[in-house]
Amino acid sequence: MWPSMFGPGWGWGVLVTSAFLFIVLGILGFLFLVIYGPPRQAEESVEHLWHRFEEGDLTRQEFERYRRAGRARLSAREAHK
């Protein structure tokens, strides 16, 4: 009795509506992950490191260590090219 309440073809309507809902929710979920996901590991430029050093966020030894690590990454990247 209850399937006849919705008329003929109601199954396809439910299927299409469900698929559309899942697609929209998938897109919104993907955008949410892109916007609020974990931040990318960005390489810190020397200017940014120097600014942190001037502000007192880094000691001289930390500044030099970050700078040497950046140079090593750069030379390793160029060696792979």
N, C-alpha and C. Protein backbone atom coordinates (compact mmCIF):
# COMPACT_ATOMS: atom_id res chain seq x y z
N MET A 1 0.81 -1.19 0.00
CA MET A 1 0.00 0.00 0.00
C MET A 1 0.86 1.27 0.00
N TRP A 2 1.89 1.36 0.85
CA TRP A 2 2.61 2.62 0.96
C TRP A 2 3.41 2.98 -0.28
N PRO A 3 3.95 2.04 -1.12
CA PRO A 3 4.64 2.48 -2.33
C PRO A 3 3.72 3.21 -3.31
N SER A 4 2.45 2.86 -3.31
CA SER A 4 1.55 3.54 -4.24
C SER A 4 1.26 4.97 -3.81
N MET A 5 1.58 5.31 -2.57
CA MET A 5 1.35 6.68 -2.10
C MET A 5 2.28 7.67 -2.80
N PHE A 6 3.47 7.21 -3.18
CA PHE A 6 4.45 8.10 -3.79
C PHE A 6 4.34 8.15 -5.30
N GLY A 7 3.57 7.32 -5.89
CA GLY A 7 3.38 7.32 -7.34
C GLY A 7 4.39 6.43 -8.03
N PRO A 8 4.24 6.24 -9.33
CA PRO A 8 5.14 5.38 -10.07
C PRO A 8 6.52 6.04 -10.22
N GLY A 9 7.56 5.24 -10.14
CA GLY A 9 8.92 5.76 -10.33
C GLY A 9 9.50 6.42 -9.10
N TRP A 10 8.90 6.22 -7.95
CA TRP A 10 9.41 6.89 -6.75
C TRP A 10 10.78 6.35 -6.35
N GLY A 11 11.07 5.12 -6.67
CA GLY A 11 12.38 4.53 -6.35
C GLY A 11 13.50 5.25 -7.05
N TRP A 12 13.31 5.55 -8.35
CA TRP A 12 14.33 6.29 -9.09
C TRP A 12 14.50 7.71 -8.54
N GLY A 13 13.41 8.31 -8.14
CA GLY A 13 13.49 9.65 -7.56
C GLY A 13 14.31 9.66 -6.28
N VAL A 14 14.10 8.66 -5.43
CA VAL A 14 14.87 8.55 -4.19
C VAL A 14 16.33 8.29 -4.50
N LEU A 15 16.59 7.43 -5.48
CA LEU A 15 17.97 7.12 -5.86
C LEU A 15 18.70 8.36 -6.39
N VAL A 16 18.06 9.11 -7.27
CA VAL A 16 18.68 10.31 -7.84
C VAL A 16 18.88 11.37 -6.77
N THR A 17 17.90 11.53 -5.89
CA THR A 17 18.03 12.52 -4.83
C THR A 17 19.15 12.14 -3.88
N SER A 18 19.28 10.86 -3.55
CA SER A 18 20.35 10.41 -2.67
C SER A 18 21.72 10.62 -3.32
N ALA A 19 21.82 10.30 -4.59
CA ALA A 19 23.09 10.49 -5.30
C ALA A 19 23.47 11.96 -5.33
N PHE A 20 22.52 12.82 -5.62
CA PHE A 20 22.78 14.26 -5.65
C PHE A 20 23.22 14.75 -4.27
N LEU A 21 22.56 14.27 -3.23
CA LEU A 21 22.90 14.68 -1.86
C LEU A 21 24.32 14.23 -1.51
N PHE A 22 24.69 13.00 -1.87
CA PHE A 22 26.03 12.51 -1.57
C PHE A 22 27.09 13.27 -2.36
N ILE A 23 26.79 13.65 -3.58
CA ILE A 23 27.74 14.43 -4.37
C ILE A 23 27.97 15.80 -3.74
N VAL A 24 26.89 16.46 -3.36
CA VAL A 24 27.01 17.79 -2.74
C VAL A 24 27.76 17.69 -1.42
N LEU A 25 27.43 16.69 -0.60
CA LEU A 25 28.13 16.53 0.68
C LEU A 25 29.60 16.18 0.46
N GLY A 26 29.91 15.41 -0.57
CA GLY A 26 31.31 15.09 -0.88
C GLY A 26 32.10 16.32 -1.27
N ILE A 27 31.50 17.15 -2.10
CA ILE A 27 32.18 18.39 -2.52
C ILE A 27 32.39 19.30 -1.31
N LEU A 28 31.38 19.44 -0.48
CA LEU A 28 31.52 20.29 0.72
C LEU A 28 32.56 19.72 1.68
N GLY A 29 32.60 18.40 1.82
CA GLY A 29 33.61 17.78 2.67
C GLY A 29 35.01 18.01 2.14
N PHE A 30 35.17 17.88 0.82
CA PHE A 30 36.48 18.13 0.21
C PHE A 30 36.91 19.57 0.43
N LEU A 31 36.01 20.52 0.21
CA LEU A 31 36.35 21.93 0.43
C LEU A 31 36.69 22.19 1.89
N PHE A 32 35.97 21.56 2.80
CA PHE A 32 36.26 21.72 4.22
C PHE A 32 37.67 21.23 4.54
N LEU A 33 38.06 20.08 3.97
CA LEU A 33 39.40 19.56 4.21
C LEU A 33 40.47 20.47 3.62
N VAL A 34 40.20 21.01 2.45
CA VAL A 34 41.18 21.89 1.82
C VAL A 34 41.37 23.17 2.62
N ILE A 35 40.26 23.72 3.09
CA ILE A 35 40.34 24.99 3.81
C ILE A 35 40.84 24.81 5.24
N TYR A 36 40.30 23.83 5.95
CA TYR A 36 40.61 23.67 7.37
C TYR A 36 41.52 22.49 7.67
N GLY A 37 42.09 21.88 6.65
CA GLY A 37 42.96 20.74 6.84
C GLY A 37 44.29 21.15 7.45
N PRO A 38 45.17 20.19 7.62
CA PRO A 38 46.47 20.52 8.20
C PRO A 38 47.25 21.45 7.28
N PRO A 39 47.95 22.41 7.85
CA PRO A 39 48.69 23.36 7.01
C PRO A 39 49.87 22.67 6.32
N ARG A 40 50.20 23.17 5.18
CA ARG A 40 51.35 22.65 4.45
C ARG A 40 52.62 23.08 5.16
N GLN A 41 53.65 22.27 4.99
CA GLN A 41 54.94 22.62 5.56
C GLN A 41 55.63 23.58 4.59
N ALA A 42 55.60 24.83 4.91
CA ALA A 42 56.22 25.82 4.05
C ALA A 42 57.66 26.06 4.49
N GLU A 43 58.52 26.23 3.53
CA GLU A 43 59.90 26.54 3.86
C GLU A 43 59.98 27.99 4.31
N GLU A 44 60.70 28.19 5.39
CA GLU A 44 60.82 29.54 5.90
C GLU A 44 61.96 30.25 5.16
N SER A 45 61.66 31.44 4.69
CA SER A 45 62.68 32.19 3.99
C SER A 45 63.67 32.78 5.00
N VAL A 46 64.80 33.19 4.50
CA VAL A 46 65.82 33.78 5.36
C VAL A 46 65.29 35.07 5.98
N GLU A 47 64.49 35.82 5.21
CA GLU A 47 63.94 37.06 5.75
C GLU A 47 63.02 36.79 6.93
N HIS A 48 62.20 35.74 6.80
CA HIS A 48 61.29 35.40 7.88
C HIS A 48 62.08 34.94 9.12
N LEU A 49 63.10 34.12 8.88
CA LEU A 49 63.93 33.67 9.99
C LEU A 49 64.65 34.85 10.65
N TRP A 50 65.13 35.78 9.84
CA TRP A 50 65.82 36.94 10.39
C TRP A 50 64.86 37.79 11.22
N HIS A 51 63.64 37.93 10.75
CA HIS A 51 62.64 38.68 11.50
C HIS A 51 62.37 38.00 12.85
N ARG A 52 62.24 36.68 12.83
CA ARG A 52 62.03 35.96 14.09
C ARG A 52 63.23 36.13 15.02
N PHE A 53 64.44 36.16 14.45
CA PHE A 53 65.64 36.36 15.26
C PHE A 53 65.64 37.75 15.88
N GLU A 54 65.29 38.76 15.07
CA GLU A 54 65.25 40.13 15.59
C GLU A 54 64.21 40.31 16.68
N GLU A 55 63.09 39.60 16.55
CA GLU A 55 62.02 39.71 17.55
C GLU A 55 62.36 38.95 18.83
N GLY A 56 63.38 38.12 18.78
CA GLY A 56 63.77 37.36 19.96
C GLY A 56 63.14 35.98 20.02
N ASP A 57 62.48 35.56 18.93
CA ASP A 57 61.87 34.23 18.91
C ASP A 57 62.91 33.14 18.66
N LEU A 58 64.03 33.51 18.06
CA LEU A 58 65.10 32.55 17.78
C LEU A 58 66.40 33.04 18.40
N THR A 59 67.18 32.09 18.89
CA THR A 59 68.53 32.45 19.32
C THR A 59 69.43 32.44 18.09
N ARG A 60 70.64 32.92 18.26
CA ARG A 60 71.59 32.94 17.14
C ARG A 60 71.87 31.52 16.64
N GLN A 61 71.99 30.58 17.57
CA GLN A 61 72.28 29.20 17.19
C GLN A 61 71.11 28.60 16.42
N GLU A 62 69.88 28.86 16.84
CA GLU A 62 68.71 28.35 16.13
C GLU A 62 68.62 28.94 14.72
N PHE A 63 68.90 30.25 14.62
CA PHE A 63 68.87 30.90 13.32
C PHE A 63 69.87 30.24 12.39
N GLU A 64 71.10 30.02 12.86
CA GLU A 64 72.12 29.39 12.02
C GLU A 64 71.75 27.96 11.66
N ARG A 65 71.16 27.22 12.59
CA ARG A 65 70.77 25.84 12.32
C ARG A 65 69.69 25.79 11.23
N TYR A 66 68.68 26.66 11.34
CA TYR A 66 67.62 26.71 10.31
C TYR A 66 68.20 27.12 8.96
N ARG A 67 69.12 28.07 8.98
CA ARG A 67 69.71 28.54 7.73
C ARG A 67 70.53 27.44 7.07
N ARG A 68 71.32 26.70 7.87
CA ARG A 68 72.10 25.59 7.31
C ARG A 68 71.18 24.49 6.77
N ALA A 69 70.10 24.21 7.48
CA ALA A 69 69.16 23.18 7.02
C ALA A 69 68.51 23.61 5.71
N GLY A 70 68.19 24.88 5.58
CA GLY A 70 67.60 25.39 4.34
C GLY A 70 68.56 25.29 3.18
N ARG A 71 69.83 25.61 3.43
CA ARG A 71 70.84 25.49 2.38
C ARG A 71 71.01 24.04 1.96
N ALA A 72 71.00 23.12 2.94
CA ALA A 72 71.17 21.70 2.63
C ALA A 72 69.99 21.20 1.80
N ARG A 73 68.77 21.62 2.13
CA ARG A 73 67.59 21.22 1.34
C ARG A 73 67.69 21.76 -0.07
N LEU A 74 68.12 23.01 -0.19
CA LEU A 74 68.24 23.62 -1.51
C LEU A 74 69.28 22.90 -2.36
N SER A 75 70.43 22.59 -1.77
CA SER A 75 71.47 21.91 -2.56
C SER A 75 71.05 20.48 -2.90
N ALA A 76 70.32 19.82 -1.99
CA ALA A 76 69.83 18.46 -2.28
C ALA A 76 68.79 18.49 -3.38
N ARG A 77 67.94 19.49 -3.37
CA ARG A 77 66.91 19.62 -4.41
C ARG A 77 67.55 19.88 -5.77
N GLU A 78 68.57 20.73 -5.80
CA GLU A 78 69.23 21.02 -7.07
C GLU A 78 70.05 19.84 -7.56
N ALA A 79 70.53 19.00 -6.65
CA ALA A 79 71.30 17.82 -7.04
C ALA A 79 70.39 16.78 -7.70
N HIS A 80 69.11 16.78 -7.34
CA HIS A 80 68.16 15.82 -7.91
C HIS A 80 67.61 16.27 -9.26
N LYS A 81 67.84 17.50 -9.63
CA LYS A 81 67.30 18.01 -10.90
C LYS A 81 68.04 17.49 -12.07
